[in-house]
Amino acid sequence: MPCEDRVSHQVGAALRRLRLERRIGQKQIAGRAGVTVSMLSRYEHGRQYPSLPSLVKILRALDCSAEEFGWYFGPWGEVETLQRQQEAAAAMVAAG
């Protein structure tokens, strides 16, 4: 897979992960960010790379800082997400 395709998939996966964790629908985020639902879907599935202005608007719609987005991006983001899931599962077990 060419580097550009890999990056668009990583960006898209990070955006989708953020949106799903926040339990917000594509329609809401698209409306807040001023993009179409189909365009947001294309970004999330790595079919198209968002322009920097579009990415900033989407991150604002997700109430996400650039620093936080960095934790979701690429292999580090996947590790961070898995750690959070494990911590949440451990807390649920501890709570009984």
C-alpha atoms as a PDB file:
ATOM      1  CA  MET A   1       0.000   0.000   0.000  1.00  0.00           C
ATOM      2  CA  PRO A   2       1.481   3.389  -0.963  1.00  0.00           C
ATOM      3  CA  CYS A   3       2.376   5.701   1.910  1.00  0.00           C
ATOM      4  CA  GLU A   4      -0.341   8.240   0.996  1.00  0.00           C
ATOM      5  CA  ASP A   5      -3.031   5.525   1.078  1.00  0.00           C
ATOM      6  CA  ARG A   6      -1.746   4.245   4.410  1.00  0.00           C
ATOM      7  CA  VAL A   7      -1.876   7.751   5.879  1.00  0.00           C
ATOM      8  CA  SER A   8      -5.417   8.386   4.635  1.00  0.00           C
ATOM      9  CA  HIS A   9      -6.512   5.069   6.187  1.00  0.00           C
ATOM     10  CA  GLN A  10      -4.828   5.952   9.494  1.00  0.00           C
ATOM     11  CA  VAL A  11      -6.388   9.420   9.562  1.00  0.00           C
ATOM     12  CA  GLY A  12      -9.790   7.988   8.684  1.00  0.00           C
ATOM     13  CA  ALA A  13      -9.572   5.244  11.301  1.00  0.00           C
ATOM     14  CA  ALA A  14      -8.593   7.806  13.936  1.00  0.00           C
ATOM     15  CA  LEU A  15     -11.515  10.079  13.036  1.00  0.00           C
ATOM     16  CA  ARG A  16     -13.945   7.166  13.121  1.00  0.00           C
ATOM     17  CA  ARG A  17     -12.578   5.919  16.464  1.00  0.00           C
ATOM     18  CA  LEU A  18     -12.945   9.390  17.978  1.00  0.00           C
ATOM     19  CA  ARG A  19     -16.486   9.774  16.694  1.00  0.00           C
ATOM     20  CA  LEU A  20     -17.589   6.350  17.887  1.00  0.00           C
ATOM     21  CA  GLU A  21     -16.019   6.778  21.327  1.00  0.00           C
ATOM     22  CA  ARG A  22     -17.911  10.034  21.688  1.00  0.00           C
ATOM     23  CA  ARG A  23     -21.092   8.313  20.476  1.00  0.00           C
ATOM     24  CA  ILE A  24     -21.823  10.953  17.877  1.00  0.00           C
ATOM     25  CA  GLY A  25     -23.369  10.172  14.509  1.00  0.00           C
ATOM     26  CA  GLN A  26     -21.811  11.032  11.182  1.00  0.00           C
ATOM     27  CA  LYS A  27     -24.706  13.351  10.401  1.00  0.00           C
ATOM     28  CA  GLN A  28     -24.066  15.429  13.537  1.00  0.00           C
ATOM     29  CA  ILE A  29     -20.328  15.721  12.936  1.00  0.00           C
ATOM     30  CA  ALA A  30     -20.770  16.467   9.250  1.00  0.00           C
ATOM     31  CA  GLY A  31     -23.283  19.215  10.069  1.00  0.00           C
ATOM     32  CA  ARG A  32     -21.044  20.775  12.707  1.00  0.00           C
ATOM     33  CA  ALA A  33     -17.986  20.598  10.454  1.00  0.00           C
ATOM     34  CA  GLY A  34     -19.714  21.835   7.321  1.00  0.00           C
ATOM     35  CA  VAL A  35     -18.973  18.740   5.241  1.00  0.00           C
ATOM     36  CA  THR A  36     -21.381  16.250   3.706  1.00  0.00           C
ATOM     37  CA  VAL A  37     -22.071  12.911   5.372  1.00  0.00           C
ATOM     38  CA  SER A  38     -20.768  11.128   2.276  1.00  0.00           C
ATOM     39  CA  MET A  39     -17.517  13.119   2.417  1.00  0.00           C
ATOM     40  CA  LEU A  40     -17.066  12.330   6.113  1.00  0.00           C
ATOM     41  CA  SER A  41     -17.657   8.669   5.317  1.00  0.00           C
ATOM     42  CA  ARG A  42     -15.014   8.822   2.570  1.00  0.00           C
ATOM     43  CA  TYR A  43     -12.550  10.304   5.066  1.00  0.00           C
ATOM     44  CA  GLU A  44     -13.352   7.726   7.747  1.00  0.00           C
ATOM     45  CA  HIS A  45     -12.901   4.823   5.337  1.00  0.00           C
ATOM     46  CA  GLY A  46      -9.637   6.178   3.957  1.00  0.00           C
ATOM     47  CA  ARG A  47     -10.997   6.697   0.460  1.00  0.00           C
ATOM     48  CA  GLN A  48     -10.067  10.366   0.511  1.00  0.00           C
ATOM     49  CA  TYR A  49      -7.675  12.415   2.603  1.00  0.00           C
ATOM     50  CA  PRO A  50      -9.267  15.514   4.167  1.00  0.00           C
ATOM     51  CA  SER A  51      -7.727  18.900   3.468  1.00  0.00           C
ATOM     52  CA  LEU A  52      -6.142  20.518   6.507  1.00  0.00           C
ATOM     53  CA  PRO A  53      -9.017  23.038   6.889  1.00  0.00           C
ATOM     54  CA  SER A  54     -11.569  20.183   6.713  1.00  0.00           C
ATOM     55  CA  LEU A  55      -9.615  18.115   9.225  1.00  0.00           C
ATOM     56  CA  VAL A  56      -9.483  21.064  11.637  1.00  0.00           C
ATOM     57  CA  LYS A  57     -13.257  21.593  11.291  1.00  0.00           C
ATOM     58  CA  ILE A  58     -13.939  17.912  11.917  1.00  0.00           C
ATOM     59  CA  LEU A  59     -11.670  17.847  14.960  1.00  0.00           C
ATOM     60  CA  ARG A  60     -13.432  20.931  16.336  1.00  0.00           C
ATOM     61  CA  ALA A  61     -16.792  19.247  15.719  1.00  0.00           C
ATOM     62  CA  LEU A  62     -15.473  16.284  17.705  1.00  0.00           C
ATOM     63  CA  ASP A  63     -14.206  18.625  20.433  1.00  0.00           C
ATOM     64  CA  CYS A  64     -10.758  17.153  19.929  1.00  0.00           C
ATOM     65  CA  SER A  65      -7.403  18.922  20.158  1.00  0.00           C
ATOM     66  CA  ALA A  66      -4.590  18.224  17.720  1.00  0.00           C
ATOM     67  CA  GLU A  67      -2.634  16.667  20.583  1.00  0.00           C
ATOM     68  CA  GLU A  68      -5.475  14.292  21.436  1.00  0.00           C
ATOM     69  CA  PHE A  69      -5.891  13.411  17.760  1.00  0.00           C
ATOM     70  CA  GLY A  70      -2.220  12.448  17.728  1.00  0.00           C
ATOM     71  CA  TRP A  71      -2.956   9.736  20.295  1.00  0.00           C
ATOM     72  CA  TYR A  72      -5.530   8.209  17.968  1.00  0.00           C
ATOM     73  CA  PHE A  73      -3.421   8.437  14.852  1.00  0.00           C
ATOM     74  CA  GLY A  74      -1.429   5.466  13.629  1.00  0.00           C
ATOM     75  CA  PRO A  75      -0.076   2.563  15.652  1.00  0.00           C
ATOM     76  CA  TRP A  76       0.313   4.651  18.810  1.00  0.00           C
ATOM     77  CA  GLY A  77      -3.353   5.544  18.693  1.00  0.00           C
ATOM     78  CA  GLU A  78      -4.301   1.903  18.367  1.00  0.00           C
ATOM     79  CA  VAL A  79      -2.169   1.024  21.389  1.00  0.00           C
ATOM     80  CA  GLU A  80      -3.671   3.913  23.374  1.00  0.00           C
ATOM     81  CA  THR A  81      -7.201   2.828  22.477  1.00  0.00           C
ATOM     82  CA  LEU A  82      -6.498  -0.775  23.494  1.00  0.00           C
ATOM     83  CA  GLN A  83      -5.029   0.388  26.803  1.00  0.00           C
ATOM     84  CA  ARG A  84      -8.117   2.489  27.519  1.00  0.00           C
ATOM     85  CA  GLN A  85     -10.389  -0.435  26.674  1.00  0.00           C
ATOM     86  CA  GLN A  86      -8.418  -2.710  29.004  1.00  0.00           C
ATOM     87  CA  GLU A  87      -8.545  -0.128  31.798  1.00  0.00           C
ATOM     88  CA  ALA A  88     -12.301   0.291  31.351  1.00  0.00           C
ATOM     89  CA  ALA A  89     -12.833  -3.486  31.413  1.00  0.00           C
ATOM     90  CA  ALA A  90     -10.695  -3.816  34.557  1.00  0.00           C
ATOM     91  CA  ALA A  91     -12.694  -1.027  36.236  1.00  0.00           C
ATOM     92  CA  MET A  92     -15.954  -2.772  35.359  1.00  0.00           C
ATOM     93  CA  VAL A  93     -14.691  -6.057  36.803  1.00  0.00           C
ATOM     94  CA  ALA A  94     -13.492  -4.283  39.963  1.00  0.00           C
ATOM     95  CA  ALA A  95     -16.863  -2.546  40.342  1.00  0.00           C
ATOM     96  CA  GLY A  96     -18.492  -5.931  40.294  1.00  0.00           C
END
